[in-house]
Amino acid sequence: MTEEPRILVASPLDDGVVPALTAAFPGATVRVAGDRAAVSREVTQRVRFDVVVADLVWNSPEWEFNFDGLDVIDVLGATDRRAPVIMATQGHTTECDLLQEARLRPEVFSVFRKTVGADDLPRLIRDAAIGERRHGHVATPHTKPLYELFLGRRGETAGRMAGAIAAGRATDGASLATAAGVALNTASKVTTHYLGPIILERGEHDPRLPMTLSAVYRWCGLHARYIVSWCRRHGHGDVLVTL
């Protein structure tokens, strides 16, 4: 790592991270980007960053369902300014789906939990800057990630229907077909061929009970944060509305 590393903190909240970094790296350039436009501006208008520290979940009313740490990775890739990314989490269960995808992304070198304080962050930054990964900080998921289950033609269709439901655009088969842009016959199989099997594979429904439309809708609500993020980042934003 250079003596004066360039560090981007992509977060709507400081949370004490920036003071800790300036103290640990007195000669470093530490830039903060608190919204989508700022992230794009910092990435495209400046020299490539050595390390990016990004909030996994953006805890603000404006960005909660509109931008997250995985979007930050996409901005880096789209502008050909890739850099090692350290994902900052709060340790909440609502982050689990996003974290499951993050651990599969090659850009993510480690995960930093904000609630334990910033003492460990400088070491993670030094390691990432020289190409050292710390996957020990990323827990192995107990269920198959939605990121993998939404792959392929059927997976994408399932993701689109999940997005329409999570965004509140569907109340029955007809409205689901319209919102997701699928045939009515396809929408009618959401419990048997599309989302139902995904829910069962992840162990999130009692197999002794029938898979109902209500159970599918409830599941989409529980995973809405990730489902909306996935749709937005994979070209399926048309199924969403502002939440």
Protein backbone atom coordinates (compact mmCIF):
# COMPACT_ATOMS: atom_id res chain seq x y z
CA MET A 1 0.00 0.00 0.00
CA THR A 2 1.18 3.51 -0.70
CA GLU A 3 2.19 5.71 2.23
CA GLU A 4 -0.76 7.99 1.56
CA PRO A 5 -3.66 5.71 0.59
CA ARG A 6 -6.78 7.00 -1.06
CA ILE A 7 -9.87 5.81 0.80
CA LEU A 8 -13.50 6.33 -0.18
CA VAL A 9 -16.15 6.05 2.54
CA ALA A 10 -19.50 5.46 0.85
CA SER A 11 -22.11 6.04 3.53
CA PRO A 12 -24.96 8.45 4.32
CA LEU A 13 -23.71 8.50 7.94
CA ASP A 14 -20.23 9.12 9.31
CA ASP A 15 -20.65 7.03 12.50
CA GLY A 16 -17.14 7.94 13.62
CA VAL A 17 -15.43 6.01 10.82
CA VAL A 18 -13.81 9.02 9.14
CA PRO A 19 -12.12 10.37 12.32
CA ALA A 20 -10.78 6.89 13.01
CA LEU A 21 -9.32 6.65 9.51
CA THR A 22 -7.70 10.08 9.54
CA ALA A 23 -6.14 9.22 12.89
CA ALA A 24 -4.84 5.86 11.65
CA PHE A 25 -3.65 7.24 8.29
CA PRO A 26 -2.51 10.84 8.92
CA GLY A 27 -1.36 11.37 5.34
CA ALA A 28 -4.26 9.60 3.67
CA THR A 29 -6.87 11.09 1.38
CA VAL A 30 -10.23 10.18 2.87
CA ARG A 31 -13.27 11.14 0.84
CA VAL A 32 -16.92 10.70 1.87
CA ALA A 33 -19.83 10.09 -0.50
CA GLY A 34 -23.27 10.25 1.07
CA ASP A 35 -25.54 9.58 -1.90
CA ARG A 36 -25.57 7.95 -5.33
CA ALA A 37 -24.48 11.10 -7.19
CA ALA A 38 -21.60 11.68 -4.77
CA VAL A 39 -20.37 8.10 -5.16
CA SER A 40 -20.38 8.45 -8.95
CA ARG A 41 -18.67 11.83 -8.76
CA GLU A 42 -15.93 10.68 -6.42
CA VAL A 43 -15.26 7.54 -8.43
CA THR A 44 -15.19 9.14 -11.87
CA GLN A 45 -13.60 12.54 -11.23
CA ARG A 46 -10.66 11.52 -9.08
CA VAL A 47 -7.70 9.17 -9.09
CA ARG A 48 -8.61 5.54 -8.47
CA PHE A 49 -9.13 4.75 -4.78
CA ASP A 50 -6.95 2.19 -3.02
CA VAL A 51 -9.84 0.94 -0.87
CA VAL A 52 -13.57 1.64 -0.66
CA VAL A 53 -15.43 1.28 2.64
CA ALA A 54 -19.14 1.05 1.86
CA ASP A 55 -22.19 0.70 4.06
CA LEU A 56 -24.02 -2.46 3.07
CA VAL A 57 -27.39 -0.98 4.03
CA TRP A 58 -27.90 2.77 3.66
CA ASN A 59 -29.93 3.66 6.72
CA SER A 60 -31.67 6.81 5.62
CA PRO A 61 -35.28 7.38 4.49
CA GLU A 62 -34.12 8.51 1.05
CA TRP A 63 -31.76 5.65 0.27
CA GLU A 64 -32.97 2.66 2.29
CA PHE A 65 -34.68 1.05 -0.72
CA ASN A 66 -32.87 2.97 -3.46
CA PHE A 67 -29.14 2.40 -2.94
CA ASP A 68 -26.84 0.07 -1.01
CA GLY A 69 -23.31 -1.24 -0.85
CA LEU A 70 -23.87 -3.59 -3.77
CA ASP A 71 -24.81 -0.57 -5.88
CA VAL A 72 -21.46 0.96 -4.92
CA ILE A 73 -19.72 -2.10 -6.37
CA ASP A 74 -21.71 -1.68 -9.58
CA VAL A 75 -20.68 1.99 -9.83
CA LEU A 76 -17.02 1.00 -9.52
CA GLY A 77 -17.42 -1.63 -12.23
CA ALA A 78 -19.43 0.54 -14.60
CA THR A 79 -16.78 3.26 -14.49
CA ASP A 80 -13.86 0.81 -14.70
CA ARG A 81 -12.55 2.10 -11.37
CA ARG A 82 -12.62 -1.16 -9.45
CA ALA A 83 -11.05 -1.22 -6.01
CA PRO A 84 -11.08 -3.57 -3.02
CA VAL A 85 -14.32 -3.07 -1.10
CA ILE A 86 -14.84 -3.46 2.64
CA MET A 87 -18.51 -3.80 3.48
CA ALA A 88 -19.60 -2.08 6.68
CA THR A 89 -22.54 -3.68 8.46
CA GLN A 90 -24.55 -3.13 11.61
CA GLY A 91 -25.07 -6.83 12.28
CA HIS A 92 -28.84 -6.71 11.82
CA THR A 93 -30.81 -9.65 10.43
CA THR A 94 -32.22 -7.37 7.73
CA GLU A 95 -28.75 -7.31 6.18
CA CYS A 96 -28.52 -11.09 5.76
CA ASP A 97 -29.69 -11.39 2.15
CA LEU A 98 -27.48 -8.53 0.98
CA LEU A 99 -24.55 -9.98 2.92
CA GLN A 100 -25.05 -13.38 1.32
CA GLU A 101 -24.58 -11.81 -2.09
CA ALA A 102 -21.70 -9.63 -0.90
CA ARG A 103 -19.69 -12.66 0.23
CA LEU A 104 -19.93 -14.05 -3.32
CA ARG A 105 -18.73 -10.86 -5.00
CA PRO A 106 -14.99 -10.89 -5.82
CA GLU A 107 -14.77 -7.14 -5.15
CA VAL A 108 -15.54 -7.65 -1.45
CA PHE A 109 -12.34 -8.29 0.51
CA SER A 110 -13.79 -8.24 4.04
CA VAL A 111 -16.73 -7.25 6.19
CA PHE A 112 -16.50 -4.75 9.02
CA ARG A 113 -19.15 -4.60 11.74
CA LYS A 114 -19.63 -1.01 12.87
CA THR A 115 -21.11 -1.95 16.23
CA VAL A 116 -17.76 -3.31 17.50
CA GLY A 117 -16.01 0.00 16.89
CA ALA A 118 -13.53 1.14 14.27
CA ASP A 119 -10.37 -0.27 15.87
CA ASP A 120 -10.09 -3.17 13.42
CA LEU A 121 -10.87 -1.15 10.30
CA PRO A 122 -7.34 0.22 9.63
CA ARG A 123 -5.93 -3.31 9.56
CA LEU A 124 -8.63 -4.43 7.13
CA ILE A 125 -7.84 -1.45 4.91
CA ARG A 126 -4.10 -2.21 4.93
CA ASP A 127 -4.81 -5.85 4.06
CA ALA A 128 -7.26 -5.00 1.27
CA ALA A 129 -4.90 -2.44 -0.24
CA ILE A 130 -2.24 -5.11 -0.76
CA GLY A 131 -4.71 -7.72 -1.98
CA GLU A 132 -5.24 -9.67 1.24
CA ARG A 133 -8.75 -10.98 1.76
CA ARG A 134 -10.27 -11.57 5.18
CA HIS A 135 -13.19 -13.84 4.42
CA GLY A 136 -13.11 -15.03 7.98
CA HIS A 137 -15.09 -11.89 8.74
CA VAL A 138 -17.91 -13.09 6.47
CA ALA A 139 -20.13 -15.78 7.94
CA THR A 140 -21.05 -18.73 5.74
CA PRO A 141 -24.81 -18.60 5.05
CA HIS A 142 -27.06 -21.37 6.32
CA THR A 143 -29.37 -21.03 3.32
CA LYS A 144 -28.71 -20.79 -0.41
CA PRO A 145 -28.39 -17.10 -1.34
CA LEU A 146 -31.21 -15.50 -3.28
CA TYR A 147 -28.47 -14.15 -5.54
CA GLU A 148 -27.94 -17.71 -6.80
CA LEU A 149 -31.60 -18.71 -6.77
CA PHE A 150 -32.52 -15.78 -9.03
CA LEU A 151 -30.09 -16.93 -11.75
CA GLY A 152 -31.29 -18.32 -15.08
CA ARG A 153 -34.53 -17.74 -16.93
CA ARG A 154 -36.79 -19.22 -14.27
CA GLY A 155 -34.84 -17.53 -11.49
CA GLU A 156 -35.15 -14.13 -13.16
CA THR A 157 -38.88 -14.62 -13.62
CA ALA A 158 -39.17 -15.55 -9.96
CA GLY A 159 -37.18 -12.45 -9.03
CA ARG A 160 -39.41 -10.21 -11.13
CA MET A 161 -42.56 -11.58 -9.50
CA ALA A 162 -40.99 -11.26 -6.06
CA GLY A 163 -40.12 -7.65 -6.87
CA ALA A 164 -43.65 -6.81 -7.94
CA ILE A 165 -45.01 -8.31 -4.72
CA ALA A 166 -42.38 -6.69 -2.50
CA ALA A 167 -43.11 -3.31 -4.09
CA GLY A 168 -46.81 -3.66 -3.30
CA ARG A 169 -47.90 -3.81 -6.92
CA ALA A 170 -49.62 -7.18 -6.79
CA THR A 171 -52.67 -8.40 -4.89
CA ASP A 172 -53.72 -11.38 -7.03
CA GLY A 173 -52.70 -13.36 -10.10
CA ALA A 174 -53.92 -10.80 -12.60
CA SER A 175 -52.22 -7.82 -10.97
CA LEU A 176 -49.06 -9.89 -10.46
CA ALA A 177 -48.95 -10.78 -14.16
CA THR A 178 -49.36 -7.13 -15.13
CA ALA A 179 -46.82 -5.76 -12.66
CA ALA A 180 -44.18 -8.41 -13.37
CA GLY A 181 -44.76 -8.41 -17.12
CA VAL A 182 -45.45 -12.13 -17.30
CA ALA A 183 -48.28 -14.25 -18.68
CA LEU A 184 -51.25 -14.88 -16.42
CA ASN A 185 -50.49 -18.61 -16.62
CA THR A 186 -46.96 -17.91 -15.33
CA ALA A 187 -48.22 -15.73 -12.50
CA SER A 188 -50.64 -18.47 -11.45
CA LYS A 189 -47.65 -20.79 -10.88
CA VAL A 190 -45.87 -18.45 -8.46
CA THR A 191 -46.45 -20.84 -5.54
CA THR A 192 -45.80 -24.12 -7.40
CA HIS A 193 -43.04 -23.37 -9.92
CA TYR A 194 -41.37 -20.09 -9.05
CA LEU A 195 -41.23 -18.59 -5.55
CA GLY A 196 -42.72 -21.53 -3.66
CA PRO A 197 -39.81 -23.89 -4.49
CA ILE A 198 -37.28 -21.18 -3.58
CA ILE A 199 -38.90 -20.65 -0.19
CA LEU A 200 -38.91 -24.39 0.49
CA GLU A 201 -35.29 -24.83 -0.65
CA ARG A 202 -34.22 -22.14 1.80
CA GLY A 203 -36.13 -23.86 4.60
CA GLU A 204 -38.37 -20.85 5.19
CA HIS A 205 -41.70 -22.69 5.13
CA ASP A 206 -42.94 -25.71 7.05
CA PRO A 207 -43.07 -28.48 4.40
CA ARG A 208 -45.95 -30.08 6.27
CA LEU A 209 -48.13 -27.08 5.44
CA PRO A 210 -49.45 -26.15 2.00
CA MET A 211 -47.64 -23.38 0.14
CA THR A 212 -50.23 -20.63 -0.18
CA LEU A 213 -50.25 -17.30 -1.98
CA SER A 214 -50.40 -15.58 1.41
CA ALA A 215 -47.24 -17.39 2.49
CA VAL A 216 -45.46 -16.25 -0.68
CA TYR A 217 -46.57 -12.65 -0.23
CA ARG A 218 -45.49 -12.69 3.41
CA TRP A 219 -42.07 -14.06 2.43
CA CYS A 220 -41.60 -11.33 -0.18
CA GLY A 221 -42.35 -8.74 2.48
CA LEU A 222 -39.76 -10.20 4.84
CA HIS A 223 -37.11 -10.13 2.12
CA ALA A 224 -38.24 -6.90 0.46
CA ARG A 225 -35.00 -5.02 1.08
CA TYR A 226 -32.92 -7.50 -0.91
CA ILE A 227 -35.55 -8.27 -3.54
CA VAL A 228 -35.95 -4.59 -4.40
CA SER A 229 -32.16 -4.20 -4.52
CA TRP A 230 -31.79 -7.21 -6.80
CA CYS A 231 -34.45 -5.97 -9.22
CA ARG A 232 -32.96 -2.49 -9.31
CA ARG A 233 -29.43 -3.76 -9.98
CA HIS A 234 -30.32 -6.43 -12.55
CA GLY A 235 -32.37 -4.44 -15.02
CA HIS A 236 -35.79 -5.22 -13.55
CA GLY A 237 -36.54 -1.83 -12.04
CA ASP A 238 -39.72 -1.64 -14.11
CA VAL A 239 -41.47 -3.95 -11.66
CA LEU A 240 -40.86 -1.57 -8.75
CA VAL A 241 -42.50 1.53 -7.40
CA THR A 242 -41.17 3.94 -4.78
CA LEU A 243 -41.50 2.31 -1.38
